[in-house]
Amino acid sequence: MGSDDLGSDKNEIPIQTVYVREFYIDAFPVTNIEFKLFLDKNPKWKTSKLMDGFTMRKYRDSDYLKTWDRNKFPAGKEDHPVTWVSWYAAMAYAQWLGKRLPTEAEWEKAARGGLDGEKYPWGNSLDKSLANYGINLGSTTPIRHYPPNNYGIYDMVGNVNEWCLDNREPDLYQSSQGINHVMDDTIQNIVKAYTNIRKKRIVRGGSWHTAVKDLRISYRKDLPPTTTASVTGFRCVKPTNK
């Protein structure tokens, strides 16, 4: 994990070896149509004023699902990554499917696609034909629009930033992290008590709007878990229990 490039942020260095247990990860970010199915089965996460009680407002900001119209996603964007979702909503969706959000270590393992020490999932040079970034297109693109990495995983950088399980630890790579590392608690405790968490959470991967330097696999950013944005989505993982 991490980077030794001279231009890297301090919280990305030095390169660190971290071990993760086997896991499955979604080949794509969660799409609008997939999130709509979740909302239909879990109405408390809808945007309707009638459903938006005081307790639910603790888990999302006022822009939650901003581009949706009465819980209908934007027309023609069923296969685009869902955006304007909080960390809490992403966690709820993942649990609904018996999954969870990836740890930073799992996310970076998947993003690298077996290429150690490279800046991007395809190598060290930028290529606009391989990712949606830098406001080149002005919005998200459908899943499968760009080719997958060597693990067969799409959009690990570009299109949308992706929520991770961890909170941000600035000095994460300054000491050995061991196996299945996650910041501030165990994976099991975070998943079990996610609605009690208030610390900022990590997003990884850059987005359709992101600057070039934020597209690097090693780039780390943190946001309050209530935050929603046009550039932030998520994908899920499931351990193999091996």
C-alpha atoms as a PDB file:
ATOM      1  CA  MET A   1       0.000   0.000   0.000  1.00  0.00           C
ATOM      2  CA  GLY A   2       0.994   3.614  -0.373  1.00  0.00           C
ATOM      3  CA  SER A   3       3.535   5.449  -2.491  1.00  0.00           C
ATOM      4  CA  ASP A   4       7.131   6.616  -2.428  1.00  0.00           C
ATOM      5  CA  ASP A   5       6.667   9.221  -5.172  1.00  0.00           C
ATOM      6  CA  LEU A   6       8.079  12.656  -4.401  1.00  0.00           C
ATOM      7  CA  GLY A   7       4.718  14.250  -5.122  1.00  0.00           C
ATOM      8  CA  SER A   8       2.758  11.989  -2.778  1.00  0.00           C
ATOM      9  CA  ASP A   9       0.872  13.368   0.201  1.00  0.00           C
ATOM     10  CA  LYS A  10       2.473  12.735   3.588  1.00  0.00           C
ATOM     11  CA  ASN A  11      -0.300  10.345   4.608  1.00  0.00           C
ATOM     12  CA  GLU A  12       0.502   8.005   1.686  1.00  0.00           C
ATOM     13  CA  ILE A  13       4.138   7.287   2.523  1.00  0.00           C
ATOM     14  CA  PRO A  14       6.127   5.120   2.809  1.00  0.00           C
ATOM     15  CA  ILE A  15       5.069   2.034   0.851  1.00  0.00           C
ATOM     16  CA  GLN A  16       3.813  -0.540   3.340  1.00  0.00           C
ATOM     17  CA  THR A  17       3.201  -4.285   3.064  1.00  0.00           C
ATOM     18  CA  VAL A  18      -0.205  -5.223   4.452  1.00  0.00           C
ATOM     19  CA  TYR A  19      -1.765  -8.676   4.365  1.00  0.00           C
ATOM     20  CA  VAL A  20      -5.468  -9.187   3.687  1.00  0.00           C
ATOM     21  CA  ARG A  21      -7.527 -12.341   3.867  1.00  0.00           C
ATOM     22  CA  GLU A  22      -9.370 -13.526   0.772  1.00  0.00           C
ATOM     23  CA  PHE A  23     -12.441 -11.509  -0.183  1.00  0.00           C
ATOM     24  CA  TYR A  24     -14.841 -10.938  -3.022  1.00  0.00           C
ATOM     25  CA  ILE A  25     -15.359  -7.377  -4.281  1.00  0.00           C
ATOM     26  CA  ASP A  26     -18.059  -6.007  -6.557  1.00  0.00           C
ATOM     27  CA  ALA A  27     -16.886  -5.726 -10.148  1.00  0.00           C
ATOM     28  CA  PHE A  28     -18.665  -2.350 -10.409  1.00  0.00           C
ATOM     29  CA  PRO A  29     -19.712   0.526  -8.179  1.00  0.00           C
ATOM     30  CA  VAL A  30     -23.290   0.162  -6.942  1.00  0.00           C
ATOM     31  CA  THR A  31     -25.619   1.564  -9.603  1.00  0.00           C
ATOM     32  CA  ASN A  32     -28.746   3.694  -9.407  1.00  0.00           C
ATOM     33  CA  ILE A  33     -31.020   0.786 -10.272  1.00  0.00           C
ATOM     34  CA  GLU A  34     -29.419  -1.367  -7.581  1.00  0.00           C
ATOM     35  CA  PHE A  35     -29.806   1.348  -4.960  1.00  0.00           C
ATOM     36  CA  LYS A  36     -33.436   1.853  -6.002  1.00  0.00           C
ATOM     37  CA  LEU A  37     -34.142  -1.801  -5.157  1.00  0.00           C
ATOM     38  CA  PHE A  38     -32.620  -1.205  -1.728  1.00  0.00           C
ATOM     39  CA  LEU A  39     -34.804   1.870  -1.164  1.00  0.00           C
ATOM     40  CA  ASP A  40     -37.936  -0.032  -2.144  1.00  0.00           C
ATOM     41  CA  LYS A  41     -37.173  -2.646   0.526  1.00  0.00           C
ATOM     42  CA  ASN A  42     -35.856  -0.165   3.103  1.00  0.00           C
ATOM     43  CA  PRO A  43     -38.145   2.893   2.929  1.00  0.00           C
ATOM     44  CA  LYS A  44     -36.541   4.664   5.886  1.00  0.00           C
ATOM     45  CA  TRP A  45     -33.608   5.449   3.562  1.00  0.00           C
ATOM     46  CA  LYS A  46     -35.841   7.158   1.008  1.00  0.00           C
ATOM     47  CA  THR A  47     -35.852  10.937   0.494  1.00  0.00           C
ATOM     48  CA  SER A  48     -39.572  11.403   1.113  1.00  0.00           C
ATOM     49  CA  LYS A  49     -40.326  14.033   3.758  1.00  0.00           C
ATOM     50  CA  LEU A  50     -42.817  11.629   5.319  1.00  0.00           C
ATOM     51  CA  MET A  51     -40.069   9.069   5.863  1.00  0.00           C
ATOM     52  CA  ASP A  52     -37.355  11.531   6.775  1.00  0.00           C
ATOM     53  CA  GLY A  53     -37.756  11.526  10.546  1.00  0.00           C
ATOM     54  CA  PHE A  54     -35.380  13.271  12.929  1.00  0.00           C
ATOM     55  CA  THR A  55     -33.414  10.105  13.678  1.00  0.00           C
ATOM     56  CA  MET A  56     -32.675   9.434  10.009  1.00  0.00           C
ATOM     57  CA  ARG A  57     -31.364  12.966   9.470  1.00  0.00           C
ATOM     58  CA  LYS A  58     -28.396  12.042  11.649  1.00  0.00           C
ATOM     59  CA  TYR A  59     -27.184   9.733   8.904  1.00  0.00           C
ATOM     60  CA  ARG A  60     -27.179  11.990   5.836  1.00  0.00           C
ATOM     61  CA  ASP A  61     -26.874  15.631   4.901  1.00  0.00           C
ATOM     62  CA  SER A  62     -29.492  17.804   3.195  1.00  0.00           C
ATOM     63  CA  ASP A  63     -28.197  16.858  -0.284  1.00  0.00           C
ATOM     64  CA  TYR A  64     -28.843  13.126   0.135  1.00  0.00           C
ATOM     65  CA  LEU A  65     -29.914  11.676  -3.258  1.00  0.00           C
ATOM     66  CA  LYS A  66     -30.027  15.253  -4.509  1.00  0.00           C
ATOM     67  CA  THR A  67     -30.602  14.429  -8.190  1.00  0.00           C
ATOM     68  CA  TRP A  68     -33.392  11.921  -7.512  1.00  0.00           C
ATOM     69  CA  ASP A  69     -37.057  12.890  -7.927  1.00  0.00           C
ATOM     70  CA  ARG A  70     -39.209  11.338  -5.197  1.00  0.00           C
ATOM     71  CA  ASN A  71     -36.936   8.322  -4.999  1.00  0.00           C
ATOM     72  CA  LYS A  72     -36.638   7.961  -8.752  1.00  0.00           C
ATOM     73  CA  PHE A  73     -33.111   8.153 -10.123  1.00  0.00           C
ATOM     74  CA  PRO A  74     -32.314  10.447 -13.087  1.00  0.00           C
ATOM     75  CA  ALA A  75     -33.824   9.166 -16.313  1.00  0.00           C
ATOM     76  CA  GLY A  76     -31.485   7.085 -18.445  1.00  0.00           C
ATOM     77  CA  LYS A  77     -28.911   6.635 -15.663  1.00  0.00           C
ATOM     78  CA  GLU A  78     -29.907   3.267 -14.291  1.00  0.00           C
ATOM     79  CA  ASP A  79     -26.429   1.860 -15.032  1.00  0.00           C
ATOM     80  CA  HIS A  80     -24.515   4.864 -13.659  1.00  0.00           C
ATOM     81  CA  PRO A  81     -22.979   4.652 -10.186  1.00  0.00           C
ATOM     82  CA  VAL A  82     -25.294   5.937  -7.485  1.00  0.00           C
ATOM     83  CA  THR A  83     -24.061   9.233  -6.019  1.00  0.00           C
ATOM     84  CA  TRP A  84     -25.169  11.630  -3.275  1.00  0.00           C
ATOM     85  CA  VAL A  85     -25.091   8.760  -0.758  1.00  0.00           C
ATOM     86  CA  SER A  86     -23.696   9.006   2.758  1.00  0.00           C
ATOM     87  CA  TRP A  87     -21.351   6.497   4.377  1.00  0.00           C
ATOM     88  CA  TYR A  88     -24.220   5.373   6.585  1.00  0.00           C
ATOM     89  CA  ALA A  89     -26.472   4.714   3.580  1.00  0.00           C
ATOM     90  CA  ALA A  90     -23.673   2.789   1.872  1.00  0.00           C
ATOM     91  CA  MET A  91     -23.173   0.695   5.016  1.00  0.00           C
ATOM     92  CA  ALA A  92     -26.914   0.007   5.248  1.00  0.00           C
ATOM     93  CA  TYR A  93     -27.056  -1.081   1.603  1.00  0.00           C
ATOM     94  CA  ALA A  94     -24.076  -3.393   2.041  1.00  0.00           C
ATOM     95  CA  GLN A  95     -25.571  -5.035   5.139  1.00  0.00           C
ATOM     96  CA  TRP A  96     -28.870  -5.540   3.328  1.00  0.00           C
ATOM     97  CA  LEU A  97     -26.969  -7.798   0.910  1.00  0.00           C
ATOM     98  CA  GLY A  98     -24.897  -9.537   3.574  1.00  0.00           C
ATOM     99  CA  LYS A  99     -21.807  -7.564   2.546  1.00  0.00           C
ATOM    100  CA  ARG A 100     -19.865  -4.565   3.881  1.00  0.00           C
ATOM    101  CA  LEU A 101     -17.699  -1.705   2.648  1.00  0.00           C
ATOM    102  CA  PRO A 102     -14.047  -2.544   1.857  1.00  0.00           C
ATOM    103  CA  THR A 103     -11.222  -1.661   4.187  1.00  0.00           C
ATOM    104  CA  GLU A 104      -8.589   0.637   2.705  1.00  0.00           C
ATOM    105  CA  ALA A 105      -6.260  -2.349   2.370  1.00  0.00           C
ATOM    106  CA  GLU A 106      -8.877  -4.408   0.517  1.00  0.00           C
ATOM    107  CA  TRP A 107      -9.764  -1.486  -1.736  1.00  0.00           C
ATOM    108  CA  GLU A 108      -6.135  -0.838  -2.673  1.00  0.00           C
ATOM    109  CA  LYS A 109      -5.431  -4.547  -3.244  1.00  0.00           C
ATOM    110  CA  ALA A 110      -8.368  -4.700  -5.660  1.00  0.00           C
ATOM    111  CA  ALA A 111      -7.501  -1.391  -7.354  1.00  0.00           C
ATOM    112  CA  ARG A 112      -3.932  -2.445  -8.131  1.00  0.00           C
ATOM    113  CA  GLY A 113      -5.109  -5.503 -10.027  1.00  0.00           C
ATOM    114  CA  GLY A 114      -1.831  -7.279  -9.342  1.00  0.00           C
ATOM    115  CA  LEU A 115       0.402  -4.405 -10.486  1.00  0.00           C
ATOM    116  CA  ASP A 116       2.715  -3.526  -7.593  1.00  0.00           C
ATOM    117  CA  GLY A 117       4.107  -0.004  -7.292  1.00  0.00           C
ATOM    118  CA  GLU A 118       2.171   1.538 -10.202  1.00  0.00           C
ATOM    119  CA  LYS A 119       0.318   4.854  -9.952  1.00  0.00           C
ATOM    120  CA  TYR A 120      -2.836   3.711 -11.725  1.00  0.00           C
ATOM    121  CA  PRO A 121      -4.612   0.375 -12.266  1.00  0.00           C
ATOM    122  CA  TRP A 122      -3.110   0.147 -15.761  1.00  0.00           C
ATOM    123  CA  GLY A 123       0.432   1.493 -15.128  1.00  0.00           C
ATOM    124  CA  ASN A 124       2.254   4.787 -14.575  1.00  0.00           C
ATOM    125  CA  SER A 125       0.947   6.973 -17.403  1.00  0.00           C
ATOM    126  CA  LEU A 126      -2.433   8.675 -17.713  1.00  0.00           C
ATOM    127  CA  ASP A 127      -4.839   7.666 -20.455  1.00  0.00           C
ATOM    128  CA  LYS A 128      -8.257   9.303 -20.957  1.00  0.00           C
ATOM    129  CA  SER A 129      -9.500   6.162 -22.691  1.00  0.00           C
ATOM    130  CA  LEU A 130      -9.119   4.168 -19.459  1.00  0.00           C
ATOM    131  CA  ALA A 131     -10.925   6.294 -16.846  1.00  0.00           C
ATOM    132  CA  ASN A 132     -13.417   9.130 -16.371  1.00  0.00           C
ATOM    133  CA  TYR A 133     -11.601  12.003 -14.620  1.00  0.00           C
ATOM    134  CA  GLY A 134     -10.719  15.707 -14.785  1.00  0.00           C
ATOM    135  CA  ILE A 135     -14.201  16.859 -15.873  1.00  0.00           C
ATOM    136  CA  ASN A 136     -13.387  15.402 -19.306  1.00  0.00           C
ATOM    137  CA  LEU A 137     -17.022  14.332 -19.726  1.00  0.00           C
ATOM    138  CA  GLY A 138     -18.720  16.447 -17.073  1.00  0.00           C
ATOM    139  CA  SER A 139     -20.576  13.651 -15.273  1.00  0.00           C
ATOM    140  CA  THR A 140     -20.526   9.972 -14.361  1.00  0.00           C
ATOM    141  CA  THR A 141     -20.424   7.275 -17.027  1.00  0.00           C
ATOM    142  CA  PRO A 142     -22.186   3.879 -17.090  1.00  0.00           C
ATOM    143  CA  ILE A 143     -20.488   0.796 -15.678  1.00  0.00           C
ATOM    144  CA  ARG A 144     -18.433  -1.116 -18.280  1.00  0.00           C
ATOM    145  CA  HIS A 145     -17.800   2.142 -20.182  1.00  0.00           C
ATOM    146  CA  TYR A 146     -14.068   1.739 -19.547  1.00  0.00           C
ATOM    147  CA  PRO A 147     -12.038  -1.493 -19.553  1.00  0.00           C
ATOM    148  CA  PRO A 148     -11.464  -3.404 -16.284  1.00  0.00           C
ATOM    149  CA  ASN A 149      -8.139  -3.871 -14.530  1.00  0.00           C
ATOM    150  CA  ASN A 150      -6.288  -7.180 -14.468  1.00  0.00           C
ATOM    151  CA  TYR A 151      -8.643  -8.538 -11.794  1.00  0.00           C
ATOM    152  CA  GLY A 152     -11.678  -7.822 -13.988  1.00  0.00           C
ATOM    153  CA  ILE A 153     -12.788  -4.890 -11.804  1.00  0.00           C
ATOM    154  CA  TYR A 154     -14.172  -1.683 -13.329  1.00  0.00           C
ATOM    155  CA  ASP A 155     -13.804   1.993 -12.356  1.00  0.00           C
ATOM    156  CA  MET A 156     -11.438   1.537  -9.427  1.00  0.00           C
ATOM    157  CA  VAL A 157     -10.188   5.021 -10.220  1.00  0.00           C
ATOM    158  CA  GLY A 158     -12.283   7.724 -11.817  1.00  0.00           C
ATOM    159  CA  ASN A 159     -16.066   7.962 -12.211  1.00  0.00           C
ATOM    160  CA  VAL A 160     -16.816   8.108  -8.446  1.00  0.00           C
ATOM    161  CA  ASN A 161     -14.866   8.243  -5.202  1.00  0.00           C
ATOM    162  CA  GLU A 162     -15.697   5.188  -3.103  1.00  0.00           C
ATOM    163  CA  TRP A 163     -16.452   4.988   0.601  1.00  0.00           C
ATOM    164  CA  CYS A 164     -14.258   2.677   2.688  1.00  0.00           C
ATOM    165  CA  LEU A 165     -14.810   1.188   6.134  1.00  0.00           C
ATOM    166  CA  ASP A 166     -11.880   2.956   7.826  1.00  0.00           C
ATOM    167  CA  ASN A 167     -11.542   6.321   9.461  1.00  0.00           C
ATOM    168  CA  ARG A 168      -8.544   8.414   8.391  1.00  0.00           C
ATOM    169  CA  GLU A 169      -5.286   7.860  10.216  1.00  0.00           C
ATOM    170  CA  PRO A 170      -2.666  10.335   8.907  1.00  0.00           C
ATOM    171  CA  ASP A 171       0.269   8.166   9.971  1.00  0.00           C
ATOM    172  CA  LEU A 172      -1.239   4.888   8.767  1.00  0.00           C
ATOM    173  CA  TYR A 173       1.905   3.736   6.953  1.00  0.00           C
ATOM    174  CA  GLN A 174       4.453   4.707   9.583  1.00  0.00           C
ATOM    175  CA  SER A 175       4.299   1.320  11.340  1.00  0.00           C
ATOM    176  CA  SER A 176       3.578  -2.281  10.365  1.00  0.00           C
ATOM    177  CA  GLN A 177      -0.128  -2.883   9.971  1.00  0.00           C
ATOM    178  CA  GLY A 178      -0.316  -6.704  10.024  1.00  0.00           C
ATOM    179  CA  ILE A 179      -3.309  -8.607   8.655  1.00  0.00           C
ATOM    180  CA  ASN A 180      -6.686  -7.170   7.623  1.00  0.00           C
ATOM    181  CA  HIS A 181      -5.859  -3.826   9.157  1.00  0.00           C
ATOM    182  CA  VAL A 182      -8.676  -1.356   9.726  1.00  0.00           C
ATOM    183  CA  MET A 183      -8.458   1.928  11.618  1.00  0.00           C
ATOM    184  CA  ASP A 184     -10.151   2.744  14.976  1.00  0.00           C
ATOM    185  CA  ASP A 185     -11.754  -0.648  15.706  1.00  0.00           C
ATOM    186  CA  THR A 186     -12.228  -4.187  14.401  1.00  0.00           C
ATOM    187  CA  ILE A 187     -14.098  -4.817  11.176  1.00  0.00           C
ATOM    188  CA  GLN A 188     -16.782  -6.689  13.097  1.00  0.00           C
ATOM    189  CA  ASN A 189     -17.363  -3.864  15.588  1.00  0.00           C
ATOM    190  CA  ILE A 190     -17.553  -1.180  12.914  1.00  0.00           C
ATOM    191  CA  VAL A 191     -20.086  -3.178  10.907  1.00  0.00           C
ATOM    192  CA  LYS A 192     -22.167  -4.047  13.969  1.00  0.00           C
ATOM    193  CA  ALA A 193     -22.319  -0.522  15.399  1.00  0.00           C
ATOM    194  CA  TYR A 194     -21.914   1.670  12.303  1.00  0.00           C
ATOM    195  CA  THR A 195     -24.811   3.972  13.231  1.00  0.00           C
ATOM    196  CA  ASN A 196     -22.902   5.009  16.364  1.00  0.00           C
ATOM    197  CA  ILE A 197     -19.803   6.098  14.442  1.00  0.00           C
ATOM    198  CA  ARG A 198     -19.133   9.828  14.101  1.00  0.00           C
ATOM    199  CA  LYS A 199     -15.499   9.992  12.971  1.00  0.00           C
ATOM    200  CA  LYS A 200     -14.627  10.856   9.383  1.00  0.00           C
ATOM    201  CA  ARG A 201     -14.396   7.979   6.878  1.00  0.00           C
ATOM    202  CA  ILE A 202     -12.011   7.411   3.979  1.00  0.00           C
ATOM    203  CA  VAL A 203     -12.919   7.684   0.295  1.00  0.00           C
ATOM    204  CA  ARG A 204     -10.624   6.323  -2.384  1.00  0.00           C
ATOM    205  CA  GLY A 205     -10.277   6.276  -6.161  1.00  0.00           C
ATOM    206  CA  GLY A 206     -10.891   9.758  -7.536  1.00  0.00           C
ATOM    207  CA  SER A 207     -13.921  10.704  -9.631  1.00  0.00           C
ATOM    208  CA  TRP A 208     -15.184  12.165 -12.912  1.00  0.00           C
ATOM    209  CA  HIS A 209     -14.381  15.601 -11.465  1.00  0.00           C
ATOM    210  CA  THR A 210     -11.067  14.809  -9.785  1.00  0.00           C
ATOM    211  CA  ALA A 211      -7.701  16.401 -10.458  1.00  0.00           C
ATOM    212  CA  VAL A 212      -4.963  14.227 -11.910  1.00  0.00           C
ATOM    213  CA  LYS A 213      -3.051  13.885  -8.648  1.00  0.00           C
ATOM    214  CA  ASP A 214      -6.178  12.559  -6.895  1.00  0.00           C
ATOM    215  CA  LEU A 215      -6.561   9.776  -9.453  1.00  0.00           C
ATOM    216  CA  ARG A 216      -3.581   7.838  -8.110  1.00  0.00           C
ATOM    217  CA  ILE A 217      -4.406   4.530  -6.401  1.00  0.00           C
ATOM    218  CA  SER A 218      -2.594   5.610  -3.240  1.00  0.00           C
ATOM    219  CA  TYR A 219      -4.503   8.901  -2.826  1.00  0.00           C
ATOM    220  CA  ARG A 220      -6.490   9.102   0.431  1.00  0.00           C
ATOM    221  CA  LYS A 221      -9.196  11.549   1.459  1.00  0.00           C
ATOM    222  CA  ASP A 222     -11.549  11.685   4.428  1.00  0.00           C
ATOM    223  CA  LEU A 223     -15.107  13.008   4.775  1.00  0.00           C
ATOM    224  CA  PRO A 224     -17.712  13.181   7.543  1.00  0.00           C
ATOM    225  CA  PRO A 225     -19.900  10.060   7.267  1.00  0.00           C
ATOM    226  CA  THR A 226     -23.015  12.181   6.653  1.00  0.00           C
ATOM    227  CA  THR A 227     -21.477  13.793   3.547  1.00  0.00           C
ATOM    228  CA  THR A 228     -23.057  13.263   0.136  1.00  0.00           C
ATOM    229  CA  ALA A 229     -21.737  14.509  -3.203  1.00  0.00           C
ATOM    230  CA  SER A 230     -22.049  14.150  -6.967  1.00  0.00           C
ATOM    231  CA  VAL A 231     -18.597  12.539  -7.010  1.00  0.00           C
ATOM    232  CA  THR A 232     -19.026   9.941  -4.248  1.00  0.00           C
ATOM    233  CA  GLY A 233     -20.390   6.400  -4.496  1.00  0.00           C
ATOM    234  CA  PHE A 234     -19.358   2.974  -3.250  1.00  0.00           C
ATOM    235  CA  ARG A 235     -18.944  -0.732  -3.901  1.00  0.00           C
ATOM    236  CA  CYS A 236     -19.154  -3.681  -1.507  1.00  0.00           C
ATOM    237  CA  VAL A 237     -17.026  -6.637  -0.461  1.00  0.00           C
ATOM    238  CA  LYS A 238     -17.741 -10.030   1.043  1.00  0.00           C
ATOM    239  CA  PRO A 239     -15.131 -12.151   2.842  1.00  0.00           C
ATOM    240  CA  THR A 240     -14.694 -15.763   1.713  1.00  0.00           C
ATOM    241  CA  ASN A 241     -14.446 -16.896   5.359  1.00  0.00           C
ATOM    242  CA  LYS A 242     -11.200 -18.718   4.555  1.00  0.00           C
END
